[in-house]
Amino acid sequence: MKIGIYYTGEFGQKVIGNLVNSSTFCISCGDLCDQCRTTRPSFAGNITDIHELPGDLPEFVDEPDTYLPNNMAACDLLIAIDLHPDIFAVLPSIARATGAQAVIAPVENPTLAPEGLIRQVRNELEAAGVDSEFPKPFCSLEKTGKELIDRFVDMGFGKPMLKLELDIARSVITHAHVLRDAPCGGTWFVARCLGWSDIEDYKDTVSQSHHSYPCTASMDRDPQLKDTILHEAGYIIRTSVEEAIHNAQK
């Protein structure tokens, strides 16, 4: 599957780094790094195009095409991250130019992609026969029955899934294995911090590691979630760990 990525800012860089899985991508453990990610494949060969858009665009962009490349590489799946609203609005045109049959446009900042704009873009893509998902946040993405989007999730990215090994007698999580990673790569760091931690303290361990990675989702209150997207991301990884603890205890 060929993937094209159009993004602005730090979060997009993290997603790309996680997909490529370069040796310098994750530096969260510092001198304590045990090279846990070396077993994870790189998907650099799937990426056909990366285009970074400036983060200092004016409030209104009258001609968004002027900020897009003249020759857009063909792709099957288009991933659009933290784009200016006026460029987000032309995602159907980008999909048409690249031949994309599916679009994932995660919402990490509610001011960049208000619900009305998402509805407009989704309807235009649907009318063109292009599948789309707008996960809020990206780590909430699950399989939907849409082929290319499901293939991305099967690559190991979306709502986190972990497998834990427990020492019940000592009430300790001995090992944590990542089955599906948050697209930003944060699940690997949370898993690293869970190893040899107290089961009873898992909420604090997850919260501290999630913030230390750090999660870059917005702290602006989202009207649909009625909370911040950063908090929602925190709830997602905590629930994933709770499910893994429950499964390990069975």
Protein backbone atom coordinates (compact mmCIF):
# COMPACT_ATOMS: atom_id res chain seq x y z
CA MET A 1 0.00 0.00 0.00
CA LYS A 2 1.38 3.38 -1.05
CA ILE A 3 1.04 6.16 1.52
CA GLY A 4 1.26 9.91 1.01
CA ILE A 5 1.60 12.22 4.02
CA TYR A 6 0.77 15.92 4.13
CA TYR A 7 1.36 17.56 7.49
CA THR A 8 2.21 20.59 9.58
CA GLY A 9 4.11 20.55 12.85
CA GLU A 10 5.59 18.25 15.47
CA PHE A 11 2.85 15.65 15.61
CA GLY A 12 3.18 14.90 11.90
CA GLN A 13 6.93 14.50 12.33
CA LYS A 14 6.32 11.97 15.10
CA VAL A 15 3.92 9.93 12.98
CA ILE A 16 6.39 9.86 10.09
CA GLY A 17 9.24 8.92 12.42
CA ASN A 18 7.17 6.10 13.88
CA LEU A 19 6.26 4.74 10.44
CA VAL A 20 9.88 4.87 9.29
CA ASN A 21 11.19 3.63 12.67
CA SER A 22 14.65 5.08 12.26
CA SER A 23 17.26 4.31 14.93
CA THR A 24 17.12 7.92 16.14
CA PHE A 25 13.33 8.25 16.29
CA CYS A 26 12.58 7.39 19.92
CA ILE A 27 14.95 8.97 22.44
CA SER A 28 12.56 8.94 25.41
CA CYS A 29 14.56 6.43 27.48
CA GLY A 30 17.86 8.25 27.04
CA ASP A 31 20.82 6.26 28.40
CA LEU A 32 18.43 3.54 29.58
CA CYS A 33 17.39 2.65 26.01
CA ASP A 34 17.29 -1.13 25.54
CA GLN A 35 16.62 -0.97 21.77
CA CYS A 36 13.10 -2.38 22.24
CA ARG A 37 11.95 -1.02 18.86
CA THR A 38 14.52 -2.89 16.77
CA THR A 39 12.07 -5.79 16.37
CA ARG A 40 9.48 -3.51 14.78
CA PRO A 41 9.50 -3.20 10.98
CA SER A 42 10.01 0.02 9.06
CA PHE A 43 7.35 1.08 6.58
CA ALA A 44 9.56 3.64 4.85
CA GLY A 45 9.15 1.69 1.61
CA ASN A 46 5.40 2.29 1.66
CA ILE A 47 5.71 6.08 1.77
CA THR A 48 5.66 7.66 -1.68
CA ASP A 49 5.43 11.32 -0.69
CA ILE A 50 5.96 13.54 2.34
CA HIS A 51 5.03 17.19 2.12
CA GLU A 52 5.36 19.56 5.07
CA LEU A 53 3.28 22.72 4.97
CA PRO A 54 4.32 25.86 6.87
CA GLY A 55 2.88 26.47 10.31
CA ASP A 56 2.83 30.26 10.00
CA LEU A 57 0.17 30.63 7.30
CA PRO A 58 -2.19 33.62 7.48
CA GLU A 59 -5.56 33.20 9.17
CA PHE A 60 -7.26 32.97 5.77
CA VAL A 61 -5.60 31.25 2.81
CA ASP A 62 -7.36 32.40 -0.36
CA GLU A 63 -5.36 30.19 -2.73
CA PRO A 64 -4.41 26.97 -0.91
CA ASP A 65 -3.07 25.43 -4.13
CA THR A 66 -0.09 27.79 -3.95
CA TYR A 67 1.15 25.87 -0.89
CA LEU A 68 0.78 22.43 -2.47
CA PRO A 69 3.41 20.70 -4.63
CA ASN A 70 2.96 20.91 -8.39
CA ASN A 71 3.60 17.21 -8.85
CA MET A 72 1.90 15.10 -6.22
CA ALA A 73 3.10 11.52 -6.02
CA ALA A 74 0.48 8.82 -6.47
CA CYS A 75 -0.71 7.04 -3.34
CA ASP A 76 -3.44 4.67 -2.18
CA LEU A 77 -3.85 6.17 1.30
CA LEU A 78 -3.49 9.86 2.05
CA ILE A 79 -2.73 10.87 5.64
CA ALA A 80 -3.32 14.55 6.44
CA ILE A 81 -2.14 15.88 9.80
CA ASP A 82 -2.75 19.28 11.45
CA LEU A 83 -3.33 21.15 8.21
CA HIS A 84 -4.53 24.75 8.08
CA PRO A 85 -8.37 24.71 7.79
CA ASP A 86 -8.32 26.20 4.28
CA ILE A 87 -5.91 23.48 3.13
CA PHE A 88 -7.88 20.82 5.02
CA ALA A 89 -10.88 21.96 2.97
CA VAL A 90 -9.17 20.97 -0.31
CA LEU A 91 -8.35 17.41 0.80
CA PRO A 92 -10.79 16.07 -1.84
CA SER A 93 -8.71 17.85 -4.50
CA ILE A 94 -5.49 16.42 -3.08
CA ALA A 95 -7.04 12.95 -3.06
CA ARG A 96 -8.06 13.37 -6.67
CA ALA A 97 -4.59 14.59 -7.71
CA THR A 98 -2.82 11.70 -5.95
CA GLY A 99 -5.36 9.03 -6.89
CA ALA A 100 -5.88 8.22 -3.19
CA GLN A 101 -8.76 5.86 -2.50
CA ALA A 102 -8.77 6.54 1.24
CA VAL A 103 -7.97 9.48 3.52
CA ILE A 104 -7.11 9.52 7.22
CA ALA A 105 -7.18 13.02 8.70
CA PRO A 106 -6.73 12.77 12.48
CA VAL A 107 -8.03 15.60 14.63
CA GLU A 108 -5.45 16.51 17.25
CA ASN A 109 -6.37 20.20 17.41
CA PRO A 110 -10.09 21.09 17.32
CA THR A 111 -9.43 24.63 16.08
CA LEU A 112 -7.92 23.28 12.85
CA ALA A 113 -10.77 20.90 12.00
CA PRO A 114 -14.15 22.00 13.36
CA GLU A 115 -16.99 19.51 13.00
CA GLY A 116 -18.71 21.42 10.19
CA LEU A 117 -15.54 21.40 8.09
CA ILE A 118 -15.03 17.69 8.72
CA ARG A 119 -18.60 16.99 7.60
CA GLN A 120 -18.07 19.00 4.41
CA VAL A 121 -14.82 17.22 3.52
CA ARG A 122 -16.22 13.78 4.39
CA ASN A 123 -19.25 14.35 2.15
CA GLU A 124 -17.09 15.49 -0.77
CA LEU A 125 -14.78 12.48 -0.41
CA GLU A 126 -17.72 10.10 -0.14
CA ALA A 127 -19.27 11.59 -3.30
CA ALA A 128 -15.96 10.89 -5.08
CA GLY A 129 -15.89 7.29 -3.84
CA VAL A 130 -13.01 7.90 -1.42
CA ASP A 131 -13.15 6.31 2.04
CA SER A 132 -12.26 8.55 4.97
CA GLU A 133 -11.81 8.58 8.71
CA PHE A 134 -11.24 11.54 11.03
CA PRO A 135 -10.15 9.94 14.32
CA LYS A 136 -10.09 12.25 17.32
CA PRO A 137 -7.32 11.70 18.42
CA PHE A 138 -5.33 9.55 15.94
CA CYS A 139 -4.87 6.88 18.62
CA SER A 140 -8.64 6.26 18.63
CA LEU A 141 -8.51 4.77 15.11
CA GLU A 142 -9.92 1.25 14.83
CA LYS A 143 -10.88 -1.01 11.95
CA THR A 144 -14.03 0.21 10.21
CA GLY A 145 -14.55 -2.18 7.30
CA LYS A 146 -12.91 0.31 4.90
CA GLU A 147 -10.22 -1.74 3.19
CA LEU A 148 -7.25 0.61 2.98
CA ILE A 149 -7.88 2.16 6.38
CA ASP A 150 -8.15 -1.30 7.91
CA ARG A 151 -4.86 -2.26 6.24
CA PHE A 152 -3.19 0.71 7.94
CA VAL A 153 -4.53 -0.47 11.31
CA ASP A 154 -3.31 -4.00 10.52
CA MET A 155 0.16 -2.54 9.94
CA GLY A 156 0.11 -1.88 13.68
CA PHE A 157 -1.13 1.70 14.05
CA GLY A 158 -4.25 3.05 15.71
CA LYS A 159 -5.91 2.39 19.05
CA PRO A 160 -3.19 0.91 21.30
CA MET A 161 -3.21 -2.80 22.13
CA LEU A 162 -0.78 -4.38 24.57
CA LYS A 163 0.00 -7.81 25.98
CA LEU A 164 1.25 -7.86 29.56
CA GLU A 165 3.05 -10.48 31.61
CA LEU A 166 2.34 -10.35 35.34
CA ASP A 167 3.92 -11.70 38.50
CA ILE A 168 0.72 -11.97 40.52
CA ALA A 169 2.50 -13.02 43.72
CA ARG A 170 4.53 -9.81 43.74
CA SER A 171 1.78 -7.70 42.07
CA VAL A 172 4.22 -6.61 39.34
CA ILE A 173 3.96 -6.13 35.58
CA THR A 174 7.11 -7.89 34.41
CA HIS A 175 6.90 -7.29 30.64
CA ALA A 176 4.75 -5.24 28.28
CA HIS A 177 4.52 -6.01 24.56
CA VAL A 178 3.05 -3.63 21.96
CA LEU A 179 0.56 -5.31 19.62
CA ARG A 180 -0.71 -2.07 18.10
CA ASP A 181 0.96 1.30 18.52
CA ALA A 182 -0.48 4.79 18.75
CA PRO A 183 0.53 6.44 15.44
CA CYS A 184 2.81 8.85 17.31
CA GLY A 185 4.82 5.97 18.80
CA GLY A 186 3.92 6.71 22.40
CA THR A 187 2.67 3.20 23.20
CA TRP A 188 6.21 1.83 23.03
CA PHE A 189 7.37 4.29 25.67
CA VAL A 190 4.38 3.56 27.93
CA ALA A 191 5.11 -0.18 27.55
CA ARG A 192 8.76 0.42 28.44
CA CYS A 193 7.72 2.23 31.63
CA LEU A 194 5.20 -0.46 32.59
CA GLY A 195 7.91 -3.13 32.77
CA TRP A 196 8.65 -4.04 36.41
CA SER A 197 6.11 -1.57 37.74
CA ASP A 198 3.48 -2.26 40.41
CA ILE A 199 0.15 -3.40 39.01
CA GLU A 200 -1.71 -1.27 41.55
CA ASP A 201 0.13 1.85 40.37
CA TYR A 202 -0.66 1.38 36.67
CA LYS A 203 -2.78 4.56 36.43
CA ASP A 204 0.08 6.74 37.66
CA THR A 205 2.62 4.88 35.50
CA VAL A 206 0.49 5.32 32.38
CA SER A 207 -0.29 8.98 33.09
CA GLN A 208 3.32 9.94 33.78
CA SER A 209 4.75 8.09 30.79
CA HIS A 210 2.03 9.38 28.45
CA HIS A 211 2.81 12.97 29.43
CA SER A 212 6.58 12.41 29.42
CA TYR A 213 6.70 10.97 25.89
CA PRO A 214 5.07 13.56 25.41
CA CYS A 215 1.60 13.46 23.87
CA THR A 216 1.26 16.54 21.65
CA ALA A 217 -2.55 16.57 21.36
CA SER A 218 -4.28 19.86 22.05
CA MET A 219 -5.27 21.03 25.52
CA ASP A 220 -8.10 23.10 24.01
CA ARG A 221 -11.54 21.86 25.03
CA ASP A 222 -13.24 20.00 22.18
CA PRO A 223 -17.00 20.65 21.90
CA GLN A 224 -17.79 17.10 20.77
CA LEU A 225 -15.65 15.32 23.37
CA LYS A 226 -16.52 17.89 26.05
CA ASP A 227 -12.90 17.49 27.16
CA THR A 228 -9.45 18.09 25.74
CA ILE A 229 -8.10 15.79 23.04
CA LEU A 230 -4.96 15.25 25.13
CA HIS A 231 -7.11 13.94 27.99
CA GLU A 232 -9.00 11.69 25.57
CA ALA A 233 -5.69 10.23 24.38
CA GLY A 234 -4.76 9.60 28.01
CA TYR A 235 -8.04 7.78 28.65
CA ILE A 236 -7.47 5.62 25.56
CA ILE A 237 -4.03 4.35 26.59
CA ARG A 238 -5.17 3.81 30.19
CA THR A 239 -8.15 1.75 29.00
CA SER A 240 -5.84 -0.26 26.74
CA VAL A 241 -3.59 -1.06 29.70
CA GLU A 242 -6.59 -2.00 31.84
CA GLU A 243 -7.77 -4.42 29.16
CA ALA A 244 -4.29 -5.93 28.93
CA ILE A 245 -4.13 -6.39 32.72
CA HIS A 246 -7.55 -8.05 32.67
CA ASN A 247 -6.50 -10.41 29.87
CA ALA A 248 -3.25 -11.30 31.64
CA GLN A 249 -5.09 -12.09 34.87
CA LYS A 250 -7.45 -14.58 33.19
